[in-house]
C-alpha atoms as a PDB file:
ATOM      1  CA  MET A   1      24.647  -4.771  17.203  1.00  0.00           C
ATOM      2  CA  MET A   2      24.534  -5.588  13.671  1.00  0.00           C
ATOM      3  CA  GLU A   3      23.046  -9.294  12.457  1.00  0.00           C
ATOM      4  CA  LEU A   4      22.113 -10.894   9.231  1.00  0.00           C
ATOM      5  CA  LEU A   5      18.236 -12.261   8.964  1.00  0.00           C
ATOM      6  CA  TYR A   6      17.484 -15.095   6.183  1.00  0.00           C
ATOM      7  CA  CYS A   7      14.091 -14.816   5.555  1.00  0.00           C
ATOM      8  CA  LYS A   8      12.636 -18.217   4.868  1.00  0.00           C
ATOM      9  CA  ARG A   9       9.037 -17.097   3.335  1.00  0.00           C
ATOM     10  CA  ASP A  10       8.274 -14.071   1.531  1.00  0.00           C
ATOM     11  CA  VAL A  11       6.987 -10.624   3.843  1.00  0.00           C
ATOM     12  CA  VAL A  12       4.190  -8.748   2.182  1.00  0.00           C
ATOM     13  CA  LYS A  13       3.190  -5.324   3.227  1.00  0.00           C
ATOM     14  CA  LYS A  14      -0.078  -5.334   4.633  1.00  0.00           C
ATOM     15  CA  LEU A  15      -2.536  -2.770   6.076  1.00  0.00           C
ATOM     16  CA  ASN A  16      -3.821  -4.503   8.503  1.00  0.00           C
ATOM     17  CA  ASP A  17      -3.228  -7.739  10.390  1.00  0.00           C
ATOM     18  CA  TYR A  18      -5.873  -9.436   7.826  1.00  0.00           C
ATOM     19  CA  VAL A  19      -6.230  -6.871   4.699  1.00  0.00           C
ATOM     20  CA  GLU A  20      -2.658  -7.842   1.763  1.00  0.00           C
ATOM     21  CA  VAL A  21      -1.844  -4.641  -0.575  1.00  0.00           C
ATOM     22  CA  HIS A  22      -2.813  -5.383  -3.927  1.00  0.00           C
ATOM     23  CA  PRO A  23      -0.948  -5.453  -6.075  1.00  0.00           C
ATOM     24  CA  PRO A  24       0.947  -7.478  -3.431  1.00  0.00           C
ATOM     25  CA  VAL A  25       4.111  -5.626  -2.481  1.00  0.00           C
ATOM     26  CA  ILE A  26       7.384  -8.213  -1.250  1.00  0.00           C
ATOM     27  CA  LEU A  27       8.566  -6.350   1.227  1.00  0.00           C
ATOM     28  CA  PHE A  28      11.405  -9.548   2.821  1.00  0.00           C
ATOM     29  CA  LYS A  29      12.254 -12.080  -0.087  1.00  0.00           C
ATOM     30  CA  SER A  30      12.038 -15.398   0.516  1.00  0.00           C
ATOM     31  CA  GLY A  31      15.999 -16.879   0.255  1.00  0.00           C
ATOM     32  CA  ASN A  32      17.614 -13.112   0.631  1.00  0.00           C
ATOM     33  CA  LEU A  33      19.627 -12.037   3.387  1.00  0.00           C
ATOM     34  CA  TYR A  34      18.911  -8.625   5.293  1.00  0.00           C
ATOM     35  CA  PRO A  35      20.219  -6.269   7.917  1.00  0.00           C
ATOM     36  CA  VAL A  36      18.719  -6.301  11.209  1.00  0.00           C
ATOM     37  CA  HIS A  37      19.740  -4.292  14.574  1.00  0.00           C
ATOM     38  CA  ILE A  38      18.197  -4.101  17.740  1.00  0.00           C
ATOM     39  CA  ASP A  39      17.401  -0.707  19.704  1.00  0.00           C
ATOM     40  CA  VAL A  40      17.329   0.657  22.968  1.00  0.00           C
ATOM     41  CA  ASN A  41      14.223  -1.119  23.690  1.00  0.00           C
ATOM     42  CA  HIS A  42      14.638  -4.302  22.270  1.00  0.00           C
ATOM     43  CA  ASN A  43      13.415  -3.975  19.062  1.00  0.00           C
ATOM     44  CA  TRP A  44      14.475  -5.543  15.871  1.00  0.00           C
ATOM     45  CA  ILE A  45      14.351  -3.534  13.061  1.00  0.00           C
ATOM     46  CA  ALA A  46      15.383  -4.776   9.492  1.00  0.00           C
ATOM     47  CA  THR A  47      15.992  -3.001   5.998  1.00  0.00           C
ATOM     48  CA  ASP A  48      12.974  -4.129   3.405  1.00  0.00           C
ATOM     49  CA  GLU A  49      13.774  -4.662  -0.424  1.00  0.00           C
ATOM     50  CA  GLU A  50      13.443  -0.771  -1.197  1.00  0.00           C
ATOM     51  CA  GLY A  51      15.423   0.424   2.161  1.00  0.00           C
ATOM     52  CA  ARG A  52      12.834   0.649   4.493  1.00  0.00           C
ATOM     53  CA  ASP A  53      13.244   0.238   7.971  1.00  0.00           C
ATOM     54  CA  HIS A  54      10.511  -2.497   9.598  1.00  0.00           C
ATOM     55  CA  MET A  55      10.072  -4.101  13.067  1.00  0.00           C
ATOM     56  CA  VAL A  56      10.682  -7.466  12.742  1.00  0.00           C
ATOM     57  CA  ALA A  57      10.540  -8.701  16.662  1.00  0.00           C
ATOM     58  CA  GLU A  58       8.722  -6.691  19.261  1.00  0.00           C
ATOM     59  CA  ARG A  59      10.924  -6.170  22.951  1.00  0.00           C
ATOM     60  CA  ALA A  60      12.514  -9.476  22.389  1.00  0.00           C
ATOM     61  CA  LYS A  61      16.712  -9.420  23.960  1.00  0.00           C
ATOM     62  CA  ASN A  62      16.938 -12.345  21.903  1.00  0.00           C
ATOM     63  CA  ILE A  63      15.454 -12.006  18.498  1.00  0.00           C
ATOM     64  CA  SER A  64      14.628 -15.445  18.229  1.00  0.00           C
ATOM     65  CA  ASP A  65      12.191 -15.599  21.465  1.00  0.00           C
ATOM     66  CA  ASP A  66       9.928 -13.590  18.899  1.00  0.00           C
ATOM     67  CA  TYR A  67       7.576 -16.015  17.190  1.00  0.00           C
ATOM     68  CA  TRP A  68       6.187 -14.059  14.207  1.00  0.00           C
ATOM     69  CA  PHE A  69       9.921 -13.180  13.178  1.00  0.00           C
ATOM     70  CA  GLN A  70      10.470 -17.505  13.841  1.00  0.00           C
ATOM     71  CA  PHE A  71       7.904 -17.690  10.914  1.00  0.00           C
ATOM     72  CA  HIS A  72       9.658 -15.681   8.838  1.00  0.00           C
ATOM     73  CA  PHE A  73      13.293 -15.686   9.628  1.00  0.00           C
ATOM     74  CA  GLU A  74      16.275 -16.398  11.079  1.00  0.00           C
ATOM     75  CA  VAL A  75      19.501 -15.533  12.253  1.00  0.00           C
ATOM     76  CA  ARG A  76      23.085 -16.162  10.050  1.00  0.00           C
ATOM     77  CA  THR A  77      26.323 -15.109  11.618  1.00  0.00           C
END
């Protein structure tokens, strides 16, 4: 299943939960749409600005159940 995501706020690359890379690298830009699909383990994978895959929701049958996802994105149909 393929969906489109609307990015509500920039998502920047981080080395871990607290450390961002310098200079900042924006993976997903606010206002842009991105394709996302679900894998067999219910992980939602989106393709970033550089064409690389990133998990945007983990172990969620419904992507909107993931808090981190809700903060950064919304599903567009």
